[in-house]
Structures are given as C-alpha cells and as structure tokens.
C-alpha cells in the first residue's frame, strides 16, 4: 500500500476516527475536475461531489455547497437558503477556511465549521465520490453518509 500525501492522510485519519471504513485513494493522474475524478473512479459524472465554497457578502461566513458533478449552482437559490447574498470565494479564502487548496477540497475536515448544502441529485445514487484533500485524492462513500458527515441540508442547488 502506498503512502498518502499529508493532506490526503489527514482525511483518511478523520474518516477512520469517525468510524467510517472508507479508503482514500491517491491517483497518479489528476482528479481536480469532476470529469477527471469520474474517469479515475470509473463512475458517472453525477456521482462526483464538487465541494464549492461561497462567501456570505454581509457576514463573510464560508458556505459549502456539495453539488453533483454536472450541475451548476444557482447562487440565487443558495443566497435564499443562506439568508444573504453570496459570492464565489477566492483561492486564499478557500484555503483559510478549509485548510485545503481548490481542486482537492473534501466535504469534511475543514478548519472552520460552515453552513453546508447538499445537492438533492445525489439521492439517486447509492454511492458517490468526493475529494480527499488533494487534486489527486478521492474516496467513495455511501450517499447517506455524506449528510451525516457534513450535517448538510439537502436542497435543490441548480
């Protein structure tokens, strides 16, 4: 078994400590985009969890939207759920609030707790794949566990 990079190992350790038997897989090729991740995982694009960080324009709070691979987030809907206008977060903000770089942001294990919204489209799949701390690391999980891990609200995001 090969050694995981420090960021991927952090997610593996967190999954283990939470009692999930999921295995982080670090690939030689990129899993940075949803399509690359689907290709590496051998799954449908819809089974890929994109972890998108937005920023509340008034509160400056981080907001995590976990959306299905092919979907584009409707920022107006997320603004309604969050109770304030939102904007996409820049790379520095994402790293500051999550501890991870864009392209490898996992759905859990962030530096700051954040309001989280889950794409209802995941409910059509038994298992999904999420980033695990680096642009080359992913892990497969049961769809129902994503909600448990993140305490996210299942909503329409597109």
Protein backbone atom coordinates (compact mmCIF):
# COMPACT_ATOMS: atom_id res chain seq x y z
CA UNK A 1 0.00 0.00 0.00
CA UNK A 2 1.43 3.36 -0.97
CA UNK A 3 1.78 6.25 1.43
CA UNK A 4 -0.75 9.08 1.15
CA UNK A 5 0.31 12.71 0.95
CA UNK A 6 -0.15 14.65 4.23
CA UNK A 7 -3.44 16.28 3.15
CA UNK A 8 -4.93 13.00 1.93
CA UNK A 9 -3.71 11.23 5.09
CA UNK A 10 -5.47 13.89 7.18
CA UNK A 11 -8.78 12.95 5.53
CA UNK A 12 -8.06 9.21 5.89
CA UNK A 13 -7.33 9.72 9.60
CA UNK A 14 -10.53 11.74 10.04
CA UNK A 15 -12.63 9.11 8.26
CA UNK A 16 -11.05 6.42 10.47
CA UNK A 17 -11.61 8.42 13.68
CA UNK A 18 -15.27 8.95 12.77
CA UNK A 19 -15.68 5.20 12.31
CA UNK A 20 -16.16 5.17 8.55
CA UNK A 21 -14.43 2.33 6.74
CA UNK A 22 -13.76 4.39 3.64
CA UNK A 23 -10.43 4.31 1.87
CA UNK A 24 -8.77 7.39 0.40
CA UNK A 25 -7.22 6.62 -2.98
CA UNK A 26 -4.47 8.87 -4.31
CA UNK A 27 -4.09 8.63 -8.08
CA UNK A 28 -1.08 9.39 -10.26
CA UNK A 29 -3.35 11.45 -12.53
CA UNK A 30 -5.45 14.46 -11.59
CA UNK A 31 -8.91 14.24 -10.04
CA UNK A 32 -9.15 18.04 -9.86
CA UNK A 33 -12.15 18.39 -12.18
CA UNK A 34 -15.37 16.44 -11.82
CA UNK A 35 -14.75 14.72 -15.16
CA UNK A 36 -11.20 13.75 -14.21
CA UNK A 37 -12.47 12.36 -10.90
CA UNK A 38 -15.23 10.38 -12.64
CA UNK A 39 -12.71 8.98 -15.11
CA UNK A 40 -10.36 7.90 -12.29
CA UNK A 41 -13.19 6.46 -10.17
CA UNK A 42 -14.86 4.73 -13.11
CA UNK A 43 -18.24 6.20 -12.20
CA UNK A 44 -20.86 8.53 -13.65
CA UNK A 45 -20.18 12.27 -13.57
CA UNK A 46 -23.26 12.71 -11.38
CA UNK A 47 -21.61 10.61 -8.65
CA UNK A 48 -18.83 13.15 -8.16
CA UNK A 49 -19.15 15.53 -5.23
CA UNK A 50 -17.93 19.03 -6.10
CA UNK A 51 -17.11 20.95 -2.89
CA UNK A 52 -17.72 24.61 -3.71
CA UNK A 53 -17.01 27.34 -1.19
CA UNK A 54 -19.01 30.55 -1.30
CA UNK A 55 -18.69 33.61 0.91
CA UNK A 56 -21.56 35.48 2.55
CA UNK A 57 -21.35 39.05 1.26
CA UNK A 58 -22.60 40.53 4.56
CA UNK A 59 -21.38 38.06 7.19
CA UNK A 60 -18.22 36.98 5.36
CA UNK A 61 -19.03 33.43 6.53
CA UNK A 62 -18.00 30.41 4.45
CA UNK A 63 -20.81 28.43 2.85
CA UNK A 64 -20.16 24.95 1.48
CA UNK A 65 -22.23 23.65 -1.42
CA UNK A 66 -21.74 19.98 -2.25
CA UNK A 67 -23.07 19.59 -5.76
CA UNK A 68 -23.25 16.77 -8.25
CA UNK A 69 -20.57 16.72 -10.98
CA UNK A 70 -22.55 18.01 -13.98
CA UNK A 71 -24.58 20.59 -12.05
CA UNK A 72 -24.05 24.32 -11.99
CA UNK A 73 -25.00 26.00 -8.70
CA UNK A 74 -27.75 28.64 -8.78
CA UNK A 75 -26.23 31.27 -6.49
CA UNK A 76 -29.62 32.97 -6.04
CA UNK A 77 -31.06 29.79 -4.52
CA UNK A 78 -28.09 29.39 -2.19
CA UNK A 79 -28.41 33.07 -1.21
CA UNK A 80 -32.04 32.42 -0.26
CA UNK A 81 -31.07 29.41 1.87
CA UNK A 82 -28.22 31.34 3.50
CA UNK A 83 -30.30 34.44 4.12
CA UNK A 84 -27.83 36.77 2.42
CA UNK A 85 -26.19 37.45 -0.92
CA UNK A 86 -23.23 35.20 -1.64
CA UNK A 87 -20.24 35.27 -3.94
CA UNK A 88 -17.65 32.70 -5.01
CA UNK A 89 -14.72 32.56 -2.65
CA UNK A 90 -11.20 33.16 -3.92
CA UNK A 91 -8.40 30.60 -3.50
CA UNK A 92 -6.92 32.30 -0.42
CA UNK A 93 -10.30 32.35 1.38
CA UNK A 94 -10.94 28.69 0.45
CA UNK A 95 -7.57 27.61 1.86
CA UNK A 96 -8.03 29.74 5.00
CA UNK A 97 -11.46 28.29 5.91
CA UNK A 98 -10.96 24.70 4.73
CA UNK A 99 -7.22 24.10 5.06
CA UNK A 100 -7.20 22.72 1.50
CA UNK A 101 -6.48 24.05 -1.98
CA UNK A 102 -9.18 24.37 -4.63
CA UNK A 103 -9.39 21.12 -6.59
CA UNK A 104 -8.91 18.95 -3.51
CA UNK A 105 -11.42 20.37 -1.01
CA UNK A 106 -13.10 17.46 0.78
CA UNK A 107 -16.64 17.63 2.17
CA UNK A 108 -15.36 17.37 5.76
CA UNK A 109 -12.33 18.14 7.92
CA UNK A 110 -12.31 21.89 7.41
CA UNK A 111 -10.53 24.45 9.59
CA UNK A 112 -13.80 26.33 10.20
CA UNK A 113 -17.29 24.89 10.64
CA UNK A 114 -19.56 26.02 7.81
CA UNK A 115 -23.14 26.07 6.71
CA UNK A 116 -23.49 23.21 4.24
CA UNK A 117 -25.95 22.45 1.45
CA UNK A 118 -26.18 19.09 -0.33
CA UNK A 119 -27.41 18.62 -3.87
CA UNK A 120 -30.61 16.56 -3.89
CA UNK A 121 -29.40 14.94 -7.13
CA UNK A 122 -27.07 12.73 -5.07
CA UNK A 123 -30.11 10.86 -3.73
CA UNK A 124 -30.40 8.91 -7.00
CA UNK A 125 -27.05 7.19 -6.31
CA UNK A 126 -26.15 4.59 -3.68
CA UNK A 127 -22.52 5.68 -3.63
CA UNK A 128 -20.72 8.86 -4.58
CA UNK A 129 -17.07 10.01 -4.75
CA UNK A 130 -15.58 13.06 -3.02
CA UNK A 131 -12.23 14.83 -2.98
CA UNK A 132 -9.87 13.83 -0.19
CA UNK A 133 -7.58 16.77 0.40
CA UNK A 134 -5.51 16.93 -2.79
CA UNK A 135 -6.23 17.30 -6.53
CA UNK A 136 -5.33 13.61 -6.94
CA UNK A 137 -7.12 12.03 -3.95
CA UNK A 138 -10.73 10.80 -3.76
CA UNK A 139 -12.81 8.41 -1.71
CA UNK A 140 -16.05 6.55 -2.31
CA UNK A 141 -18.82 6.81 0.26
CA UNK A 142 -22.46 5.92 0.74
CA UNK A 143 -24.67 8.83 -0.27
CA UNK A 144 -26.50 8.77 3.07
CA UNK A 145 -23.19 9.17 4.93
CA UNK A 146 -22.43 12.48 3.20
CA UNK A 147 -25.34 14.08 5.03
CA UNK A 148 -24.26 12.51 8.34
CA UNK A 149 -20.63 13.65 7.90
CA UNK A 150 -21.46 17.21 6.99
CA UNK A 151 -24.79 17.83 8.71
CA UNK A 152 -25.75 19.43 5.40
CA UNK A 153 -29.24 20.40 4.32
CA UNK A 154 -30.46 18.54 1.24
CA UNK A 155 -31.71 21.17 -1.21
CA UNK A 156 -32.12 22.00 -4.88
CA UNK A 157 -28.87 23.70 -5.85
CA UNK A 158 -29.27 24.12 -9.61
